Amino acid sequence: MHIDVITTREALDGLKQNWDDLYEKDPEAQFFLSWTFISSYVRRYEGAWSVLAARQGPQGAPYVALLPLRLRTRLNKKTGFCHNEINMAGNYAADYAGIVCAPAFASRAIPALAGHLLKMNWAKLHLENLRMSEKRRRLLLTNLADARLTSQRVSRVNKTDNVDNCICPAIDLPDDWDTYLEQKTSSNTRQKIRRFLRKLDRSEEFRITHADTSTIDRDIGIILEMWRIKWAPRKGNLLPGLMRSNRILFKDAFESGTLFLPILWQGDKPLGGLAFLVDPVKKAMLFHLAGRDETANDVPSGLILHGYCIRRAIELGFRSYDFLRGNEPYKYSYGVDETAIHCVLVKTRTGRNLGDRLDARSIGSVLEQATKSHEAGNFTNAEIGYRQILEVDPRHARTLYGLGQLLGARGDHWSAADTFQSLVAIAPRSVKAWSRLAIEFQALGRHADAAEAFRKVLELDPELPGAQYGLGRSLAQLRQTDEAAKVLSVVRDGSDRPIDPVLRAKARIQLQRLKQDANPCYLKLDPAIASPPICEHAGG
């Protein structure tokens, strides 16, 4: 069994037919593992997603199992070290996660996927919301057992309302509506559903609309605003992000034809709405979100909408009406059965990545964090971040530059010079790299090397005033007076490029020192003195 790692949009698009075939044949596959959902979802995390794809046979053979993943990078504020965490790809948007797998290959493919996970660089593996059979789950977890790791099952019970989000109620739909009502609901619920649906069907005051191309933006706005009003006190600072992610989810699902969004109206006033993700392959409707006008209590909008949608699902031949995660009491009035999902956290005992190195895909985020620490004056954390990157990519130019700057600012000019020498070997046409190297050589008193580096700068940018001044200063230290004076005069007198007045003044001072060194009798004239003093060494 071979594992390929899919990381590009082009490769993922090319996988569609293979993925769809596996999805249709796998009895454990569910909507959040469909190509339709995953291919849309991962667009939000370019560079951070991957799919582990198991095949038996040569390159190009069909894949028999697929495991979509998402990489995250975290900073340990106590140690300053960054580490990587791996999530199931749909986590935080998908209620379920797992592996798409051809049933006949599960016993070989799942251990191979687990083995590949152990070769990757991560400190935490979040196996969140696993909806897998016990057999598959054991195959995965058993083959993730490793002396370097610990694993623990994580509870997902909300303390506020005691809702267990690892319990997932769903209705196994019968073939017809009357059978559903008779077999799945209590007499009281059955009477209410029938009465209110009759009222809806006969009413000119109440109606239910379905979002279409002309109303989708309006309807998403209606349901999300109702949801926001209800949940704002509880969600707090998370609310804007949740609103944004749900809006994206609904728009993507609508574009792929997998969104059903009915709104209940009383006249022109919306009373409530439900948002479903629709799986035409598995014949499932997945209830994702509800919104209702909390001030409208004349009719039970939730009961009417769910009754209407269950009836519609049966009419369309759907087999499952899934309430997704959470055992809220109201769901049980609709005749549900429970399915349990599992949340398992696997982590390293050290808190550091397996292999003690970063995943190469996280270099960008670690560099961003190290740069922020550097700019804030936290040199310790910045250096840790820079060196973690260089362990993965010793030729990473931006990191070498940042580390060299840091070492120079700290006064470690030998190490800074070594770092910039590595950088100019990688980026020989970088003016900034050669300039920094020259400055570090000057700080070490290596003026011949500094002059050579400044000359390299001037080959690349012939009229750079800072390099001209630096070269003149090093030449002066090397007692190459005439050449130093020639270079410094250009800075003092100006060129086609504007020159910083401070740099011009420094050049003037250096030239005065050269004259003093060349002629001990030379003294700077004070403009207030009409005639120069007589030098006792000048004779006469």
Protein backbone atom coordinates (compact mmCIF):
# COMPACT_ATOMS: atom_id res chain seq x y z
CA MET A 1 0.00 0.00 0.00
CA HIS A 2 1.50 3.33 -1.08
CA ILE A 3 0.59 6.76 0.29
CA ASP A 4 0.62 9.83 -1.94
CA VAL A 5 0.15 13.33 -0.55
CA ILE A 6 -2.18 15.60 -2.52
CA THR A 7 -1.50 19.29 -1.87
CA THR A 8 -2.44 21.20 -5.04
CA ARG A 9 -5.79 22.31 -6.37
CA GLU A 10 -4.97 20.82 -9.78
CA ALA A 11 -4.27 17.39 -8.27
CA LEU A 12 -7.43 17.57 -6.16
CA ASP A 13 -9.54 18.46 -9.17
CA GLY A 14 -8.04 15.52 -11.04
CA LEU A 15 -9.09 13.26 -8.19
CA LYS A 16 -12.80 14.02 -8.48
CA GLN A 17 -13.96 10.91 -10.34
CA ASN A 18 -11.87 8.56 -8.18
CA TRP A 19 -13.16 10.32 -5.04
CA ASP A 20 -16.78 10.20 -6.17
CA ASP A 21 -16.52 6.49 -6.96
CA LEU A 22 -15.06 5.73 -3.52
CA TYR A 23 -17.66 7.92 -1.83
CA GLU A 24 -20.57 6.14 -3.49
CA LYS A 25 -19.24 2.68 -2.58
CA ASP A 26 -18.25 3.45 1.02
CA PRO A 27 -21.18 2.86 3.41
CA GLU A 28 -19.43 4.91 6.11
CA ALA A 29 -18.88 7.98 3.94
CA GLN A 30 -20.99 11.04 4.73
CA PHE A 31 -21.47 14.50 3.24
CA PHE A 32 -18.55 16.15 5.00
CA LEU A 33 -16.21 13.67 3.30
CA SER A 34 -17.64 14.25 -0.19
CA TRP A 35 -15.47 15.76 -2.89
CA THR A 36 -18.08 18.50 -3.24
CA PHE A 37 -17.66 19.61 0.38
CA ILE A 38 -13.92 19.06 0.79
CA SER A 39 -12.91 20.69 -2.50
CA SER A 40 -14.89 23.79 -1.56
CA TYR A 41 -13.78 23.88 2.05
CA VAL A 42 -10.04 23.64 1.46
CA ARG A 43 -10.06 26.77 -0.70
CA ARG A 44 -10.08 28.70 2.58
CA TYR A 45 -6.76 27.17 3.64
CA GLU A 46 -4.52 27.08 0.59
CA GLY A 47 -1.08 25.83 1.54
CA ALA A 48 -2.35 24.25 4.76
CA TRP A 49 -4.51 21.37 3.52
CA SER A 50 -3.51 17.97 2.23
CA VAL A 51 -5.10 14.65 1.35
CA LEU A 52 -3.35 11.40 2.20
CA ALA A 53 -4.26 9.05 -0.64
CA ALA A 54 -3.68 5.29 -0.38
CA ARG A 55 -3.23 3.18 -3.50
CA GLN A 56 -2.36 -0.43 -4.13
CA GLY A 57 -0.32 -0.69 -7.28
CA PRO A 58 1.88 1.55 -9.43
CA GLN A 59 1.71 5.31 -9.78
CA GLY A 60 -1.59 6.19 -11.42
CA ALA A 61 -3.50 3.29 -9.89
CA PRO A 62 -6.88 4.29 -8.39
CA TYR A 63 -6.84 5.34 -4.77
CA VAL A 64 -8.64 3.09 -2.32
CA ALA A 65 -8.67 5.42 0.71
CA LEU A 66 -8.55 9.18 1.24
CA LEU A 67 -7.83 11.12 4.43
CA PRO A 68 -8.23 14.92 4.13
CA LEU A 69 -6.22 16.95 6.66
CA ARG A 70 -5.50 20.53 7.66
CA LEU A 71 -2.22 21.82 9.11
CA ARG A 72 -2.08 24.49 11.81
CA THR A 73 0.86 26.20 13.49
CA ARG A 74 0.97 27.21 17.14
CA LEU A 75 3.44 29.12 19.33
CA ASN A 76 4.24 27.87 22.83
CA LYS A 77 4.53 31.20 24.65
CA LYS A 78 6.41 29.63 27.55
CA THR A 79 9.19 28.06 25.49
CA GLY A 80 9.10 30.26 22.40
CA PHE A 81 9.02 27.18 20.14
CA CYS A 82 6.44 26.73 17.41
CA HIS A 83 4.80 23.38 16.77
CA ASN A 84 2.35 21.96 14.27
CA GLU A 85 -1.10 20.55 14.84
CA ILE A 86 -3.10 18.44 12.39
CA ASN A 87 -6.87 18.57 12.19
CA MET A 88 -9.30 16.59 10.11
CA ALA A 89 -9.82 18.84 7.11
CA GLY A 90 -13.42 19.84 7.76
CA ASN A 91 -13.10 20.55 11.48
CA TYR A 92 -14.81 23.75 12.67
CA ALA A 93 -17.19 23.66 9.69
CA ALA A 94 -18.02 19.96 9.40
CA ASP A 95 -19.96 18.08 12.06
CA TYR A 96 -18.42 14.76 11.05
CA ALA A 97 -14.98 13.60 9.92
CA GLY A 98 -13.38 10.33 8.90
CA ILE A 99 -11.80 8.44 6.02
CA VAL A 100 -13.29 7.65 2.62
CA CYS A 101 -12.34 4.04 1.96
CA ALA A 102 -13.22 1.12 -0.28
CA PRO A 103 -14.55 -1.43 2.24
CA ALA A 104 -12.45 -4.30 0.89
CA PHE A 105 -9.22 -2.35 1.44
CA ALA A 106 -9.90 -0.83 4.87
CA SER A 107 -7.81 -3.37 6.82
CA ARG A 108 -4.71 -2.47 4.80
CA ALA A 109 -5.28 1.14 3.80
CA ILE A 110 -6.12 2.58 7.23
CA PRO A 111 -2.95 1.20 8.92
CA ALA A 112 -0.93 2.60 5.99
CA LEU A 113 -2.50 6.03 6.48
CA ALA A 114 -1.74 5.87 10.21
CA GLY A 115 1.85 4.89 9.45
CA HIS A 116 2.25 7.92 7.21
CA LEU A 117 0.84 10.19 9.91
CA LEU A 118 3.62 8.97 12.23
CA LYS A 119 6.20 10.07 9.66
CA MET A 120 4.85 13.61 9.57
CA ASN A 121 5.97 16.49 11.79
CA TRP A 122 3.34 17.41 14.37
CA ALA A 123 2.88 17.76 18.12
CA LYS A 124 -0.91 17.31 18.23
CA LEU A 125 -3.27 15.30 16.06
CA HIS A 126 -6.91 16.26 16.57
CA LEU A 127 -9.10 13.35 15.55
CA GLU A 128 -12.22 15.41 16.05
CA ASN A 129 -15.79 14.31 15.32
CA LEU A 130 -14.83 10.88 13.98
CA ARG A 131 -17.87 9.22 12.51
CA MET A 132 -16.40 5.78 11.86
CA SER A 133 -17.32 2.24 12.68
CA GLU A 134 -15.62 0.79 15.73
CA LYS A 135 -13.58 -1.50 13.47
CA ARG A 136 -12.18 1.36 11.41
CA ARG A 137 -11.61 3.56 14.44
CA ARG A 138 -9.65 0.80 16.18
CA LEU A 139 -7.57 0.21 13.05
CA LEU A 140 -6.63 3.88 13.01
CA LEU A 141 -5.92 4.33 16.72
CA THR A 142 -4.11 1.00 17.16
CA ASN A 143 -1.73 1.87 14.36
CA LEU A 144 -1.11 5.32 15.83
CA ALA A 145 0.18 3.77 19.07
CA ASP A 146 3.76 4.94 19.61
CA ALA A 147 6.02 5.36 22.64
CA ARG A 148 6.48 9.03 21.73
CA LEU A 149 2.75 9.72 21.93
CA THR A 150 -0.18 9.81 24.30
CA SER A 151 -3.85 9.68 23.32
CA GLN A 152 -7.02 10.54 25.17
CA ARG A 153 -10.68 10.67 24.37
CA VAL A 154 -12.08 14.19 24.68
CA SER A 155 -15.53 15.01 26.02
CA ARG A 156 -17.64 17.49 24.09
CA VAL A 157 -20.38 18.22 26.65
CA ASN A 158 -21.41 21.87 26.90
CA LYS A 159 -21.33 22.89 30.55
CA THR A 160 -23.94 25.59 30.01
CA ASP A 161 -26.79 23.31 28.89
CA ASN A 162 -25.32 19.81 29.36
CA VAL A 163 -25.67 19.04 25.64
CA ASP A 164 -23.38 16.24 24.51
CA ASN A 165 -22.06 17.08 21.06
CA CYS A 166 -20.74 13.56 20.56
CA ILE A 167 -24.32 12.29 20.33
CA CYS A 168 -25.92 12.79 16.92
CA PRO A 169 -29.68 12.24 16.57
CA ALA A 170 -31.07 11.42 13.12
CA ILE A 171 -34.31 10.09 11.66
CA ASP A 172 -34.21 6.93 9.59
CA LEU A 173 -36.91 7.99 7.12
CA PRO A 174 -39.58 5.51 5.99
CA ASP A 175 -41.07 5.44 2.51
CA ASP A 176 -44.12 7.61 3.19
CA TRP A 177 -45.22 10.49 5.36
CA ASP A 178 -48.06 8.80 7.21
CA THR A 179 -45.83 5.89 8.18
CA TYR A 180 -43.31 8.35 9.57
CA LEU A 181 -45.92 10.11 11.69
CA GLU A 182 -47.39 6.85 12.98
CA GLN A 183 -44.12 5.08 13.74
CA LYS A 184 -41.77 7.89 14.72
CA THR A 185 -43.76 10.51 16.63
CA SER A 186 -45.92 10.62 19.73
CA SER A 187 -49.65 11.21 19.37
CA ASN A 188 -49.28 14.75 20.70
CA THR A 189 -46.47 15.66 18.29
CA ARG A 190 -48.26 13.92 15.45
CA GLN A 191 -51.43 15.94 16.02
CA LYS A 192 -49.51 19.22 16.21
CA ILE A 193 -47.54 18.57 13.02
CA ARG A 194 -50.68 17.61 11.08
CA ARG A 195 -52.68 20.57 12.36
CA PHE A 196 -50.05 23.21 11.65
CA LEU A 197 -49.09 21.79 8.25
CA ARG A 198 -52.77 21.79 7.24
CA LYS A 199 -52.94 25.42 8.34
CA LEU A 200 -49.83 26.19 6.31
CA ASP A 201 -51.08 24.36 3.22
CA ARG A 202 -54.43 26.17 3.25
CA SER A 203 -53.23 29.57 4.40
CA GLU A 204 -52.76 32.74 2.40
CA GLU A 205 -51.15 34.40 5.44
CA PHE A 206 -48.39 31.84 6.02
CA ARG A 207 -46.05 30.44 3.37
CA ILE A 208 -42.65 28.78 3.05
CA THR A 209 -40.21 29.88 0.37
CA HIS A 210 -37.04 28.13 -0.83
CA ALA A 211 -33.89 30.15 -1.48
CA ASP A 212 -33.10 30.49 -5.17
CA THR A 213 -30.74 32.57 -7.29
CA SER A 214 -32.83 35.71 -6.84
CA THR A 215 -33.24 35.38 -3.05
CA ILE A 216 -30.17 33.54 -1.79
CA ASP A 217 -28.35 36.56 -0.39
CA ARG A 218 -31.51 37.86 1.25
CA ASP A 219 -32.40 34.51 2.77
CA ILE A 220 -28.92 33.81 4.10
CA GLY A 221 -28.96 37.28 5.65
CA ILE A 222 -32.36 36.64 7.27
CA ILE A 223 -31.46 33.31 8.87
CA LEU A 224 -28.02 34.42 10.03
CA GLU A 225 -29.38 37.60 11.60
CA MET A 226 -32.00 35.63 13.53
CA TRP A 227 -29.30 33.18 14.62
CA ARG A 228 -27.01 36.04 15.66
CA ILE A 229 -29.65 37.65 17.87
CA LYS A 230 -30.25 34.38 19.73
CA TRP A 231 -26.63 33.32 20.16
CA ALA A 232 -24.74 36.60 20.54
CA PRO A 233 -24.69 36.54 24.37
CA ARG A 234 -23.27 33.01 24.40
CA LYS A 235 -20.87 33.13 21.46
CA GLY A 236 -19.26 36.43 22.41
CA ASN A 237 -16.11 37.27 20.45
CA LEU A 238 -16.50 34.11 18.35
CA LEU A 239 -19.68 35.42 16.74
CA PRO A 240 -18.21 37.46 13.82
CA GLY A 241 -16.05 34.54 12.71
CA LEU A 242 -18.96 32.11 12.97
CA MET A 243 -21.21 34.41 10.97
CA ARG A 244 -18.55 34.77 8.28
CA SER A 245 -17.78 31.04 8.03
CA ASN A 246 -21.47 30.09 7.88
CA ARG A 247 -22.12 32.62 5.16
CA ILE A 248 -19.26 31.19 3.09
CA LEU A 249 -20.47 27.63 3.76
CA PHE A 250 -24.00 28.45 2.62
CA LYS A 251 -22.89 30.30 -0.52
CA ASP A 252 -20.54 27.45 -1.50
CA ALA A 253 -23.24 24.87 -0.87
CA PHE A 254 -25.77 26.86 -2.90
CA GLU A 255 -23.35 27.09 -5.84
CA SER A 256 -22.79 23.32 -5.73
CA GLY A 257 -26.52 22.58 -5.49
CA THR A 258 -26.29 21.14 -1.96
CA LEU A 259 -28.09 23.85 0.06
CA PHE A 260 -31.76 23.77 1.01
CA LEU A 261 -32.85 26.92 2.85
CA PRO A 262 -36.60 27.28 3.55
CA ILE A 263 -37.99 30.44 5.21
CA LEU A 264 -41.39 30.58 6.98
CA TRP A 265 -43.23 33.88 6.38
CA GLN A 266 -46.27 35.53 7.87
CA GLY A 267 -47.18 38.00 5.19
CA ASP A 268 -43.96 39.87 4.47
CA LYS A 269 -42.43 39.07 7.87
CA PRO A 270 -39.97 36.16 8.18
CA LEU A 271 -40.68 34.05 11.25
CA GLY A 272 -37.87 31.54 10.96
CA GLY A 273 -35.72 29.47 8.68
CA LEU A 274 -33.66 26.30 8.50
CA ALA A 275 -30.43 25.64 6.60
CA PHE A 276 -29.71 22.12 5.33
CA LEU A 277 -26.80 20.54 3.53
CA VAL A 278 -28.20 18.05 1.04
CA ASP A 279 -26.42 14.83 0.07
CA PRO A 280 -27.98 13.47 -3.14
CA VAL A 281 -25.67 10.42 -3.15
CA LYS A 282 -26.35 9.19 0.37
CA LYS A 283 -29.92 10.53 0.26
CA ALA A 284 -29.45 12.55 3.43
CA MET A 285 -30.61 15.99 4.59
CA LEU A 286 -28.31 17.44 7.23
CA PHE A 287 -29.81 20.14 9.44
CA HIS A 288 -27.05 22.67 10.00
CA LEU A 289 -28.55 25.87 11.43
CA ALA A 290 -31.84 27.45 12.47
CA GLY A 291 -32.96 31.01 13.00
CA ARG A 292 -36.26 32.27 14.33
CA ASP A 293 -37.86 35.55 15.31
CA GLU A 294 -37.72 35.28 19.09
CA THR A 295 -40.52 37.85 19.42
CA ALA A 296 -43.02 35.88 17.29
CA ASN A 297 -44.78 33.32 19.47
CA ASP A 298 -48.12 32.95 17.70
CA VAL A 299 -47.04 29.82 15.80
CA PRO A 300 -44.31 27.24 16.53
CA SER A 301 -42.04 28.08 13.59
CA GLY A 302 -39.52 25.36 14.42
CA LEU A 303 -42.15 22.61 14.52
CA ILE A 304 -43.75 23.80 11.28
CA LEU A 305 -40.43 24.07 9.43
CA HIS A 306 -39.12 20.69 10.57
CA GLY A 307 -42.44 18.99 9.84
CA TYR A 308 -42.51 20.58 6.39
CA CYS A 309 -38.89 19.58 5.67
CA ILE A 310 -39.27 16.00 6.90
CA ARG A 311 -42.35 15.58 4.69
CA ARG A 312 -40.46 17.03 1.72
CA ALA A 313 -37.43 14.78 2.36
CA ILE A 314 -39.67 11.69 2.34
CA GLU A 315 -41.40 12.85 -0.85
CA LEU A 316 -38.00 13.25 -2.54
CA GLY A 317 -36.88 9.77 -1.50
CA PHE A 318 -34.33 10.73 1.13
CA ARG A 319 -33.39 8.09 3.68
CA SER A 320 -31.96 10.18 6.51
CA TYR A 321 -32.91 13.44 8.22
CA ASP A 322 -29.83 14.21 10.29
CA PHE A 323 -29.89 16.71 13.17
CA LEU A 324 -26.05 16.48 13.36
CA ARG A 325 -24.20 16.99 16.65
CA GLY A 326 -25.90 17.58 19.97
CA ASN A 327 -28.58 15.78 21.95
CA GLU A 328 -30.84 18.80 22.52
CA PRO A 329 -34.20 17.54 23.87
CA TYR A 330 -36.39 19.01 21.10
CA LYS A 331 -34.78 16.70 18.50
CA TYR A 332 -36.18 13.62 20.19
CA SER A 333 -39.77 14.63 19.52
CA TYR A 334 -39.18 13.86 15.83
CA GLY A 335 -38.41 10.16 16.31
CA VAL A 336 -34.64 10.05 16.08
CA ASP A 337 -32.06 7.37 16.68
CA GLU A 338 -28.65 8.19 18.16
CA THR A 339 -25.23 7.76 16.64
CA ALA A 340 -22.09 8.42 18.68
CA ILE A 341 -19.04 10.13 17.26
CA HIS A 342 -15.61 10.25 18.91
CA CYS A 343 -13.08 12.97 19.63
CA VAL A 344 -9.52 11.81 20.33
CA LEU A 345 -6.45 13.94 20.95
CA VAL A 346 -3.10 12.35 20.11
CA LYS A 347 -0.06 14.37 21.18
CA THR A 348 3.67 14.04 21.70
CA ARG A 349 4.99 13.59 25.21
CA THR A 350 7.52 16.41 24.71
CA GLY A 351 5.12 18.97 23.29
CA ARG A 352 7.49 19.28 20.33
CA ASN A 353 6.93 18.02 16.81
CA LEU A 354 7.65 14.44 15.85
CA GLY A 355 11.12 14.51 14.31
CA ASP A 356 11.77 17.70 16.32
CA ARG A 357 11.35 19.84 13.23
CA LEU A 358 8.61 21.94 11.67
CA ASP A 359 6.40 20.86 8.85
CA ALA A 360 7.88 22.72 5.87
CA ARG A 361 4.45 24.10 4.97
CA SER A 362 4.41 26.15 8.18
CA ILE A 363 7.57 28.13 7.40
CA GLY A 364 5.57 31.18 6.32
CA SER A 365 3.54 31.40 9.52
CA VAL A 366 6.56 30.74 11.75
CA LEU A 367 8.52 33.47 9.94
CA GLU A 368 5.61 35.85 10.45
CA GLN A 369 5.58 35.06 14.18
CA ALA A 370 9.38 35.36 14.49
CA THR A 371 9.33 38.71 12.68
CA LYS A 372 6.67 40.03 15.05
CA SER A 373 8.77 38.94 18.04
CA HIS A 374 11.84 40.56 16.49
CA GLU A 375 10.05 43.86 15.90
CA ALA A 376 8.70 43.78 19.47
CA GLY A 377 12.22 43.36 20.86
CA ASN A 378 11.69 39.76 21.95
CA PHE A 379 14.97 38.56 20.47
CA THR A 380 14.91 35.21 22.27
CA ASN A 381 11.64 34.03 20.72
CA ALA A 382 12.55 35.55 17.36
CA GLU A 383 15.85 33.66 17.25
CA ILE A 384 14.13 30.40 18.21
CA GLY A 385 11.68 30.87 15.34
CA TYR A 386 14.38 31.74 12.83
CA ARG A 387 16.48 28.73 13.79
CA GLN A 388 13.47 26.39 13.65
CA ILE A 389 12.93 27.48 10.05
CA LEU A 390 16.59 27.04 9.13
CA GLU A 391 16.53 23.48 10.49
CA VAL A 392 13.97 22.73 7.78
CA ASP A 393 15.32 25.02 5.06
CA PRO A 394 18.92 26.19 5.67
CA ARG A 395 18.75 28.30 2.51
CA HIS A 396 15.65 30.30 3.42
CA ALA A 397 16.80 33.80 2.45
CA ARG A 398 14.31 35.93 4.41
CA THR A 399 15.04 33.96 7.56
CA LEU A 400 18.80 34.27 7.15
CA TYR A 401 18.40 38.01 6.74
CA GLY A 402 16.24 38.33 9.86
CA LEU A 403 18.58 36.18 11.93
CA GLY A 404 21.61 38.14 10.74
CA GLN A 405 19.96 41.41 11.69
CA LEU A 406 19.08 40.05 15.12
CA LEU A 407 22.59 38.75 15.82
CA GLY A 408 24.12 42.04 14.73
CA ALA A 409 21.76 44.04 16.96
CA ARG A 410 22.69 41.77 19.86
CA GLY A 411 26.39 42.46 19.25
CA ASP A 412 27.28 38.98 18.03
CA HIS A 413 28.97 40.31 14.90
CA TRP A 414 30.95 37.13 14.15
CA SER A 415 27.76 35.06 13.94
CA ALA A 416 25.97 37.84 12.08
CA ALA A 417 28.74 37.96 9.49
CA ASP A 418 28.64 34.16 9.07
CA THR A 419 24.87 34.37 8.56
CA PHE A 420 25.10 37.09 5.93
CA GLN A 421 27.90 35.22 4.17
CA SER A 422 25.51 32.27 3.86
CA LEU A 423 22.87 34.63 2.55
CA VAL A 424 25.01 36.24 -0.18
CA ALA A 425 26.02 32.77 -1.36
CA ILE A 426 22.30 32.06 -1.87
CA ALA A 427 21.30 35.53 -3.09
CA PRO A 428 24.44 36.98 -4.74
CA ARG A 429 22.53 39.89 -6.27
CA SER A 430 20.91 41.07 -3.06
CA VAL A 431 22.02 44.63 -2.32
CA LYS A 432 20.64 44.44 1.22
CA ALA A 433 22.46 41.19 1.99
CA TRP A 434 25.85 42.51 0.81
CA SER A 435 25.26 45.80 2.66
CA ARG A 436 24.55 43.98 5.91
CA LEU A 437 27.57 41.77 5.46
CA ALA A 438 29.77 44.81 4.90
CA ILE A 439 28.43 46.50 8.04
CA GLU A 440 29.14 43.41 10.14
CA PHE A 441 32.70 43.23 8.76
CA GLN A 442 33.18 46.87 9.76
CA ALA A 443 31.92 46.11 13.27
CA LEU A 444 34.59 43.37 13.48
CA GLY A 445 37.31 45.68 12.20
CA ARG A 446 37.68 43.55 9.04
CA HIS A 447 37.86 46.57 6.77
CA ALA A 448 39.42 44.83 3.78
CA ASP A 449 36.48 42.38 3.74
CA ALA A 450 34.06 45.25 4.36
CA ALA A 451 35.50 47.24 1.43
CA GLU A 452 35.16 44.21 -0.84
CA ALA A 453 31.52 43.75 0.23
CA PHE A 454 30.73 47.44 -0.29
CA ARG A 455 32.28 47.26 -3.77
CA LYS A 456 29.95 44.36 -4.51
CA VAL A 457 27.02 46.53 -3.41
CA LEU A 458 28.17 49.30 -5.76
CA GLU A 459 28.46 46.87 -8.64
CA LEU A 460 24.79 46.13 -8.13
CA ASP A 461 23.74 49.72 -7.37
CA PRO A 462 26.57 52.11 -8.45
CA GLU A 463 25.20 55.27 -6.83
CA LEU A 464 23.98 53.99 -3.46
CA PRO A 465 25.13 56.72 -1.02
CA GLY A 466 25.22 54.48 2.04
CA ALA A 467 27.52 52.00 0.31
CA GLN A 468 29.75 54.81 -0.99
CA TYR A 469 30.10 56.20 2.51
CA GLY A 470 30.75 52.75 4.00
CA LEU A 471 33.39 52.00 1.39
CA GLY A 472 35.07 55.36 2.01
CA ARG A 473 35.12 54.74 5.74
CA SER A 474 36.72 51.29 5.40
CA LEU A 475 39.26 52.57 2.85
CA ALA A 476 40.18 55.29 5.30
CA GLN A 477 40.80 52.66 7.98
CA LEU A 478 43.00 50.79 5.49
CA ARG A 479 45.00 54.02 4.90
CA GLN A 480 43.97 54.07 1.25
CA THR A 481 43.56 57.81 1.61
CA ASP A 482 43.24 58.99 -1.96
CA GLU A 483 40.58 56.45 -2.92
CA ALA A 484 38.73 57.06 0.35
CA ALA A 485 38.68 60.80 -0.27
CA LYS A 486 37.44 60.29 -3.82
CA VAL A 487 34.53 58.12 -2.70
CA LEU A 488 33.60 60.30 0.26
CA SER A 489 33.67 63.43 -1.87
CA VAL A 490 30.91 61.99 -4.01
CA VAL A 491 28.75 61.59 -0.91
CA ARG A 492 29.64 65.05 0.40
CA ASP A 493 29.10 66.88 -2.87
CA GLY A 494 26.06 64.92 -3.98
CA SER A 495 25.10 63.03 -7.11
CA ASP A 496 21.99 62.50 -9.19
CA ARG A 497 20.43 60.61 -6.29
CA PRO A 498 19.19 62.58 -3.25
CA ILE A 499 21.49 62.10 -0.24
CA ASP A 500 20.47 62.16 3.40
CA PRO A 501 21.87 65.34 5.00
CA VAL A 502 23.09 63.32 7.98
CA LEU A 503 25.05 61.00 5.69
CA ARG A 504 26.44 64.01 3.84
CA ALA A 505 27.59 65.51 7.14
CA LYS A 506 29.27 62.24 8.14
CA ALA A 507 31.14 62.18 4.83
CA ARG A 508 32.31 65.74 5.43
CA ILE A 509 33.67 64.80 8.89
CA GLN A 510 35.48 61.76 7.44
CA LEU A 511 37.10 63.94 4.77
CA GLN A 512 38.26 66.42 7.41
CA ARG A 513 39.83 63.57 9.37
CA LEU A 514 41.63 62.37 6.26
CA LYS A 515 43.10 65.81 5.75
CA GLN A 516 44.15 65.98 9.38
CA ASP A 517 45.84 62.58 9.13
CA ALA A 518 47.60 63.59 5.90
CA ASN A 519 48.75 67.00 7.19
CA PRO A 520 49.28 67.45 10.91
CA CYS A 521 49.32 71.20 10.32
CA TYR A 522 45.76 71.14 8.92
CA LEU A 523 43.16 72.58 11.25
CA LYS A 524 39.56 73.23 10.40
CA LEU A 525 38.99 76.93 9.75
CA ASP A 526 36.49 78.65 11.94
CA PRO A 527 34.39 80.92 9.70
CA ALA A 528 34.51 83.57 12.42
CA ILE A 529 38.30 83.86 12.07
CA ALA A 530 39.45 86.10 9.21
CA SER A 531 42.84 84.47 8.74
CA PRO A 532 44.20 81.05 9.57
CA PRO A 533 46.51 80.53 12.52
CA ILE A 534 50.20 80.08 11.80
CA CYS A 535 51.36 76.50 12.11
CA GLU A 536 54.59 76.24 14.04
CA HIS A 537 55.60 73.25 11.93
CA ALA A 538 55.16 75.10 8.64
CA GLY A 539 58.50 76.90 8.97
CA GLY A 540 59.35 80.68 9.08
